[in-house]
Amino acid sequence: MTLDAAAVVLDHLDVWWGGYRRRLRGLTDEEHLWSPVGGWTVRPVGGRWVIDEIEDRGVDPAPFTSIAWRMWHISADCIDSYSRRAFGEQS
């Protein structure tokens, strides 16, 4: 049996992206950036998005995370990690 890895990844991205977009539809910038108690977030600084420095991701319990941080985590951090594991480091 052969597995078309690209087709599997693209299918998962299509399914995931559709759910992601449905959940975020109508979200305002204020809601996106809301961080009532501090913790991990992503914020606009000087025309670009900056991720709060995360010194220890293994802290238990994890700090509060904003919607912006969770969106970054899923869309950038996780996908980057998955692609590196599947395809290796790219230069």
C-alpha atoms as a PDB file:
ATOM      1  CA  MET A   1       0.000   0.000   0.000  1.00  0.00           C
ATOM      2  CA  THR A   2       1.344   3.446  -0.869  1.00  0.00           C
ATOM      3  CA  LEU A   3       0.318   6.595   0.885  1.00  0.00           C
ATOM      4  CA  ASP A   4       0.110   9.915  -0.924  1.00  0.00           C
ATOM      5  CA  ALA A   5       1.381  12.074   1.940  1.00  0.00           C
ATOM      6  CA  ALA A   6       0.725  15.335   0.102  1.00  0.00           C
ATOM      7  CA  ALA A   7      -2.935  14.380  -0.493  1.00  0.00           C
ATOM      8  CA  VAL A   8      -3.383  13.445   3.179  1.00  0.00           C
ATOM      9  CA  VAL A   9      -1.828  16.712   4.381  1.00  0.00           C
ATOM     10  CA  LEU A  10      -3.868  18.810   1.951  1.00  0.00           C
ATOM     11  CA  ASP A  11      -7.079  17.027   2.962  1.00  0.00           C
ATOM     12  CA  HIS A  12      -6.377  17.638   6.651  1.00  0.00           C
ATOM     13  CA  LEU A  13      -5.596  21.300   5.973  1.00  0.00           C
ATOM     14  CA  ASP A  14      -8.860  21.709   4.020  1.00  0.00           C
ATOM     15  CA  VAL A  15     -10.892  20.175   6.848  1.00  0.00           C
ATOM     16  CA  TRP A  16      -9.038  22.069   9.557  1.00  0.00           C
ATOM     17  CA  TRP A  17      -9.061  25.425   7.737  1.00  0.00           C
ATOM     18  CA  GLY A  18     -12.829  25.260   7.152  1.00  0.00           C
ATOM     19  CA  GLY A  19     -13.526  24.759  10.861  1.00  0.00           C
ATOM     20  CA  TYR A  20     -11.006  27.421  11.780  1.00  0.00           C
ATOM     21  CA  ARG A  21     -12.649  29.981   9.503  1.00  0.00           C
ATOM     22  CA  ARG A  22     -16.185  29.169  10.739  1.00  0.00           C
ATOM     23  CA  ARG A  23     -15.152  29.655  14.364  1.00  0.00           C
ATOM     24  CA  LEU A  24     -13.431  32.980  13.671  1.00  0.00           C
ATOM     25  CA  ARG A  25     -16.088  34.509  11.420  1.00  0.00           C
ATOM     26  CA  GLY A  26     -17.229  37.815  12.922  1.00  0.00           C
ATOM     27  CA  LEU A  27     -14.394  38.004  15.463  1.00  0.00           C
ATOM     28  CA  THR A  28     -13.425  41.637  16.029  1.00  0.00           C
ATOM     29  CA  ASP A  29      -9.861  42.918  16.445  1.00  0.00           C
ATOM     30  CA  GLU A  30     -10.688  43.766  20.056  1.00  0.00           C
ATOM     31  CA  GLU A  31     -11.856  40.187  20.747  1.00  0.00           C
ATOM     32  CA  HIS A  32      -8.869  38.755  18.881  1.00  0.00           C
ATOM     33  CA  LEU A  33      -6.409  40.703  21.039  1.00  0.00           C
ATOM     34  CA  TRP A  34      -8.317  40.489  24.336  1.00  0.00           C
ATOM     35  CA  SER A  35      -6.065  39.404  27.196  1.00  0.00           C
ATOM     36  CA  PRO A  36      -7.789  40.124  30.523  1.00  0.00           C
ATOM     37  CA  VAL A  37      -5.254  38.528  32.864  1.00  0.00           C
ATOM     38  CA  GLY A  38      -1.939  38.621  31.051  1.00  0.00           C
ATOM     39  CA  GLY A  39      -0.297  35.416  29.930  1.00  0.00           C
ATOM     40  CA  TRP A  40       0.745  34.427  26.429  1.00  0.00           C
ATOM     41  CA  THR A  41      -0.452  36.546  23.521  1.00  0.00           C
ATOM     42  CA  VAL A  42       0.451  37.947  20.122  1.00  0.00           C
ATOM     43  CA  ARG A  43       0.221  41.678  19.513  1.00  0.00           C
ATOM     44  CA  PRO A  44       0.838  44.193  16.747  1.00  0.00           C
ATOM     45  CA  VAL A  45       4.066  46.134  17.313  1.00  0.00           C
ATOM     46  CA  GLY A  46       5.466  48.535  14.737  1.00  0.00           C
ATOM     47  CA  GLY A  47       3.385  47.149  11.866  1.00  0.00           C
ATOM     48  CA  ARG A  48       4.131  43.460  12.507  1.00  0.00           C
ATOM     49  CA  TRP A  49       2.859  40.729  14.802  1.00  0.00           C
ATOM     50  CA  VAL A  50       5.045  39.883  17.805  1.00  0.00           C
ATOM     51  CA  ILE A  51       4.673  36.721  19.877  1.00  0.00           C
ATOM     52  CA  ASP A  52       5.217  37.091  23.610  1.00  0.00           C
ATOM     53  CA  GLU A  53       8.471  35.502  24.657  1.00  0.00           C
ATOM     54  CA  ILE A  54       7.730  32.056  26.040  1.00  0.00           C
ATOM     55  CA  GLU A  55      10.489  31.021  28.388  1.00  0.00           C
ATOM     56  CA  ASP A  56       9.083  27.693  29.526  1.00  0.00           C
ATOM     57  CA  ARG A  57       6.391  25.983  27.476  1.00  0.00           C
ATOM     58  CA  GLY A  58       6.366  23.108  29.946  1.00  0.00           C
ATOM     59  CA  VAL A  59       5.076  25.228  32.836  1.00  0.00           C
ATOM     60  CA  ASP A  60       2.130  23.610  34.647  1.00  0.00           C
ATOM     61  CA  PRO A  61      -0.439  25.005  34.660  1.00  0.00           C
ATOM     62  CA  ALA A  62       0.158  26.881  31.421  1.00  0.00           C
ATOM     63  CA  PRO A  63      -0.567  30.623  31.522  1.00  0.00           C
ATOM     64  CA  PHE A  64      -3.780  32.038  30.118  1.00  0.00           C
ATOM     65  CA  THR A  65      -3.614  32.278  26.308  1.00  0.00           C
ATOM     66  CA  SER A  66      -5.371  34.866  24.173  1.00  0.00           C
ATOM     67  CA  ILE A  67      -7.256  33.979  21.011  1.00  0.00           C
ATOM     68  CA  ALA A  68      -4.438  35.661  19.059  1.00  0.00           C
ATOM     69  CA  TRP A  69      -1.854  33.379  20.697  1.00  0.00           C
ATOM     70  CA  ARG A  70      -3.914  30.252  20.044  1.00  0.00           C
ATOM     71  CA  MET A  71      -4.394  31.236  16.405  1.00  0.00           C
ATOM     72  CA  TRP A  72      -0.637  31.763  16.027  1.00  0.00           C
ATOM     73  CA  HIS A  73       0.104  28.509  17.844  1.00  0.00           C
ATOM     74  CA  ILE A  74      -2.144  26.450  15.582  1.00  0.00           C
ATOM     75  CA  SER A  75      -1.497  28.196  12.281  1.00  0.00           C
ATOM     76  CA  ALA A  76       2.244  28.760  12.583  1.00  0.00           C
ATOM     77  CA  ASP A  77       3.860  26.889  15.448  1.00  0.00           C
ATOM     78  CA  CYS A  78       2.037  23.554  15.030  1.00  0.00           C
ATOM     79  CA  ILE A  79       2.054  23.476  11.247  1.00  0.00           C
ATOM     80  CA  ASP A  80       5.764  24.373  11.215  1.00  0.00           C
ATOM     81  CA  SER A  81       6.476  21.544  13.651  1.00  0.00           C
ATOM     82  CA  TYR A  82       4.387  19.042  11.666  1.00  0.00           C
ATOM     83  CA  SER A  83       6.026  19.986   8.379  1.00  0.00           C
ATOM     84  CA  ARG A  84       9.526  19.666   9.868  1.00  0.00           C
ATOM     85  CA  ARG A  85       8.686  16.197  11.187  1.00  0.00           C
ATOM     86  CA  ALA A  86       7.172  15.124   7.875  1.00  0.00           C
ATOM     87  CA  PHE A  87       9.618  16.727   5.451  1.00  0.00           C
ATOM     88  CA  GLY A  88      12.727  17.536   7.488  1.00  0.00           C
ATOM     89  CA  GLU A  89      14.451  20.881   8.028  1.00  0.00           C
ATOM     90  CA  GLN A  90      14.341  23.126   4.983  1.00  0.00           C
ATOM     91  CA  SER A  91      16.912  25.811   4.377  1.00  0.00           C
END
